[in-house]
Amino acid sequence: MTLSRLRIIAGLGIPFFAVLVPMPWLSSSALTVGGFPVALVWIFVCLPLTSFCMALAWMSEDHQHPDED
């Protein structure tokens, strides 16, 4: 697997699936965390995860070579 494909998976794929895949189960759950529905807590947990994944994808880019236009 190429590095650019790994960057796309880390930057877009992981956050996309982290938010969308568990939502059917979390939204139908009656569980609460600190009085908040577990789906809402999960979304707020995914916000830093998304930022971390995007930062990881950006840092894995080779910044030494200028763009070839």
N, C-alpha and C. Protein backbone atom coordinates (compact mmCIF):
# COMPACT_ATOMS: atom_id res chain seq x y z
N MET A 1 0.86 -1.18 0.00
CA MET A 1 0.00 0.00 0.00
C MET A 1 0.90 1.24 0.00
N THR A 2 0.58 2.17 -0.87
CA THR A 2 1.43 3.35 -0.99
C THR A 2 1.17 4.32 0.16
N LEU A 3 2.12 5.21 0.35
CA LEU A 3 2.02 6.18 1.44
C LEU A 3 0.85 7.13 1.24
N SER A 4 0.58 7.53 0.00
CA SER A 4 -0.54 8.44 -0.24
C SER A 4 -1.87 7.77 0.09
N ARG A 5 -1.98 6.50 -0.18
CA ARG A 5 -3.20 5.77 0.16
C ARG A 5 -3.35 5.66 1.68
N LEU A 6 -2.26 5.44 2.37
CA LEU A 6 -2.31 5.40 3.84
C LEU A 6 -2.71 6.75 4.42
N ARG A 7 -2.23 7.84 3.81
CA ARG A 7 -2.62 9.18 4.28
C ARG A 7 -4.11 9.42 4.10
N ILE A 8 -4.65 8.96 3.00
CA ILE A 8 -6.08 9.13 2.76
C ILE A 8 -6.89 8.31 3.76
N ILE A 9 -6.45 7.10 4.01
CA ILE A 9 -7.15 6.25 4.98
C ILE A 9 -7.07 6.85 6.37
N ALA A 10 -5.89 7.34 6.75
CA ALA A 10 -5.74 7.91 8.10
C ALA A 10 -6.48 9.23 8.22
N GLY A 11 -6.45 10.05 7.20
CA GLY A 11 -7.05 11.38 7.29
C GLY A 11 -8.55 11.41 7.08
N LEU A 12 -9.07 10.52 6.25
CA LEU A 12 -10.50 10.54 5.94
C LEU A 12 -11.22 9.27 6.36
N GLY A 13 -10.62 8.13 6.13
CA GLY A 13 -11.29 6.85 6.37
C GLY A 13 -11.58 6.56 7.83
N ILE A 14 -10.58 6.70 8.67
CA ILE A 14 -10.75 6.40 10.09
C ILE A 14 -11.80 7.30 10.73
N PRO A 15 -11.73 8.63 10.56
CA PRO A 15 -12.79 9.46 11.14
C PRO A 15 -14.17 9.19 10.56
N PHE A 16 -14.25 8.94 9.28
CA PHE A 16 -15.53 8.67 8.63
C PHE A 16 -16.20 7.45 9.24
N PHE A 17 -15.44 6.35 9.36
CA PHE A 17 -16.01 5.13 9.90
C PHE A 17 -16.19 5.20 11.41
N ALA A 18 -15.36 5.96 12.10
CA ALA A 18 -15.50 6.10 13.55
C ALA A 18 -16.79 6.82 13.91
N VAL A 19 -17.23 7.73 13.06
CA VAL A 19 -18.47 8.46 13.32
C VAL A 19 -19.68 7.69 12.82
N LEU A 20 -19.62 7.18 11.60
CA LEU A 20 -20.82 6.61 10.99
C LEU A 20 -21.13 5.17 11.36
N VAL A 21 -20.13 4.34 11.55
CA VAL A 21 -20.40 2.92 11.80
C VAL A 21 -21.10 2.67 13.13
N PRO A 22 -20.67 3.24 14.25
CA PRO A 22 -21.36 2.94 15.51
C PRO A 22 -22.66 3.71 15.75
N MET A 23 -22.98 4.68 14.91
CA MET A 23 -24.16 5.52 15.16
C MET A 23 -25.48 4.77 15.23
N PRO A 24 -25.76 3.78 14.40
CA PRO A 24 -27.03 3.07 14.55
C PRO A 24 -27.19 2.41 15.92
N TRP A 25 -26.11 1.90 16.46
CA TRP A 25 -26.19 1.25 17.77
C TRP A 25 -26.19 2.27 18.90
N LEU A 26 -25.42 3.31 18.75
CA LEU A 26 -25.33 4.31 19.80
C LEU A 26 -26.59 5.17 19.89
N SER A 27 -27.20 5.49 18.76
CA SER A 27 -28.38 6.35 18.79
C SER A 27 -29.60 5.63 19.32
N SER A 28 -29.64 4.31 19.18
CA SER A 28 -30.78 3.56 19.70
C SER A 28 -30.57 3.11 21.15
N SER A 29 -29.41 3.42 21.70
CA SER A 29 -29.10 3.02 23.07
C SER A 29 -29.68 4.02 24.06
N ALA A 30 -30.09 3.51 25.21
CA ALA A 30 -30.62 4.37 26.27
C ALA A 30 -29.52 4.74 27.27
N LEU A 31 -28.29 4.35 26.98
CA LEU A 31 -27.18 4.65 27.89
C LEU A 31 -26.90 6.14 27.94
N THR A 32 -26.48 6.60 29.10
CA THR A 32 -26.07 7.99 29.24
C THR A 32 -24.72 8.04 29.94
N VAL A 33 -23.98 9.07 29.63
CA VAL A 33 -22.68 9.33 30.26
C VAL A 33 -22.76 10.73 30.84
N GLY A 34 -22.82 10.82 32.14
CA GLY A 34 -22.93 12.12 32.79
C GLY A 34 -24.22 12.84 32.45
N GLY A 35 -25.27 12.10 32.16
CA GLY A 35 -26.55 12.69 31.81
C GLY A 35 -26.72 12.99 30.33
N PHE A 36 -25.70 12.75 29.53
CA PHE A 36 -25.76 12.99 28.09
C PHE A 36 -25.91 11.65 27.37
N PRO A 37 -26.64 11.62 26.27
CA PRO A 37 -26.74 10.38 25.49
C PRO A 37 -25.37 9.94 25.00
N VAL A 38 -25.17 8.64 24.97
CA VAL A 38 -23.86 8.11 24.60
C VAL A 38 -23.49 8.49 23.16
N ALA A 39 -24.47 8.65 22.27
CA ALA A 39 -24.16 9.05 20.89
C ALA A 39 -23.55 10.45 20.85
N LEU A 40 -24.06 11.35 21.67
CA LEU A 40 -23.51 12.71 21.72
C LEU A 40 -22.08 12.70 22.27
N VAL A 41 -21.86 11.92 23.30
CA VAL A 41 -20.51 11.80 23.88
C VAL A 41 -19.56 11.22 22.85
N TRP A 42 -20.01 10.22 22.08
CA TRP A 42 -19.17 9.59 21.06
C TRP A 42 -18.77 10.61 19.99
N ILE A 43 -19.71 11.45 19.56
CA ILE A 43 -19.40 12.48 18.56
C ILE A 43 -18.34 13.44 19.09
N PHE A 44 -18.46 13.84 20.36
CA PHE A 44 -17.47 14.75 20.93
C PHE A 44 -16.12 14.07 21.11
N VAL A 45 -16.09 12.77 21.33
CA VAL A 45 -14.83 12.03 21.41
C VAL A 45 -14.20 11.94 20.02
N CYS A 46 -15.01 11.84 18.99
CA CYS A 46 -14.49 11.73 17.62
C CYS A 46 -13.91 13.04 17.10
N LEU A 47 -14.27 14.16 17.68
CA LEU A 47 -13.70 15.44 17.22
C LEU A 47 -12.18 15.48 17.37
N PRO A 48 -11.61 15.19 18.56
CA PRO A 48 -10.15 15.18 18.64
C PRO A 48 -9.52 14.04 17.83
N LEU A 49 -10.24 12.92 17.71
CA LEU A 49 -9.73 11.81 16.89
C LEU A 49 -9.58 12.26 15.44
N THR A 50 -10.55 12.97 14.92
CA THR A 50 -10.49 13.47 13.56
C THR A 50 -9.33 14.44 13.38
N SER A 51 -9.16 15.34 14.33
CA SER A 51 -8.04 16.29 14.26
C SER A 51 -6.70 15.57 14.30
N PHE A 52 -6.61 14.56 15.14
CA PHE A 52 -5.37 13.78 15.23
C PHE A 52 -5.09 13.04 13.92
N CYS A 53 -6.11 12.45 13.32
CA CYS A 53 -5.92 11.73 12.06
C CYS A 53 -5.51 12.67 10.94
N MET A 54 -6.13 13.85 10.89
CA MET A 54 -5.76 14.83 9.87
C MET A 54 -4.33 15.32 10.07
N ALA A 55 -3.93 15.54 11.31
CA ALA A 55 -2.56 15.97 11.61
C ALA A 55 -1.57 14.87 11.24
N LEU A 56 -1.92 13.64 11.51
CA LEU A 56 -1.06 12.51 11.16
C LEU A 56 -0.88 12.42 9.65
N ALA A 57 -1.95 12.59 8.91
CA ALA A 57 -1.86 12.56 7.45
C ALA A 57 -1.02 13.72 6.93
N TRP A 58 -1.17 14.90 7.52
CA TRP A 58 -0.39 16.06 7.08
C TRP A 58 1.08 15.89 7.42
N MET A 59 1.39 15.37 8.60
CA MET A 59 2.80 15.21 8.99
C MET A 59 3.49 14.12 8.18
N SER A 60 2.74 13.18 7.64
CA SER A 60 3.36 12.12 6.86
C SER A 60 3.68 12.57 5.43
N GLU A 61 3.22 13.74 5.06
CA GLU A 61 3.52 14.30 3.74
C GLU A 61 4.98 14.73 3.68
N ASP A 62 5.58 14.58 2.53
CA ASP A 62 6.96 14.98 2.33
C ASP A 62 6.98 16.48 2.02
N HIS A 63 7.40 17.28 2.97
CA HIS A 63 7.40 18.74 2.81
C HIS A 63 8.74 19.27 2.30
N GLN A 64 9.69 18.41 2.03
CA GLN A 64 11.00 18.85 1.58
C GLN A 64 11.04 19.20 0.10
N HIS A 65 10.20 18.56 -0.68
CA HIS A 65 10.21 18.78 -2.13
C HIS A 65 9.11 19.75 -2.51
N PRO A 66 9.44 20.79 -3.28
CA PRO A 66 8.39 21.73 -3.73
C PRO A 66 7.46 21.05 -4.73
N ASP A 67 6.27 21.58 -4.87
CA ASP A 67 5.32 21.05 -5.83
C ASP A 67 5.85 21.22 -7.24
N GLU A 68 5.61 20.23 -8.07
CA GLU A 68 6.03 20.31 -9.46
C GLU A 68 4.86 20.78 -10.29
N ASP A 69 4.95 21.98 -10.82
CA ASP A 69 3.88 22.53 -11.66
C ASP A 69 4.30 22.62 -13.09
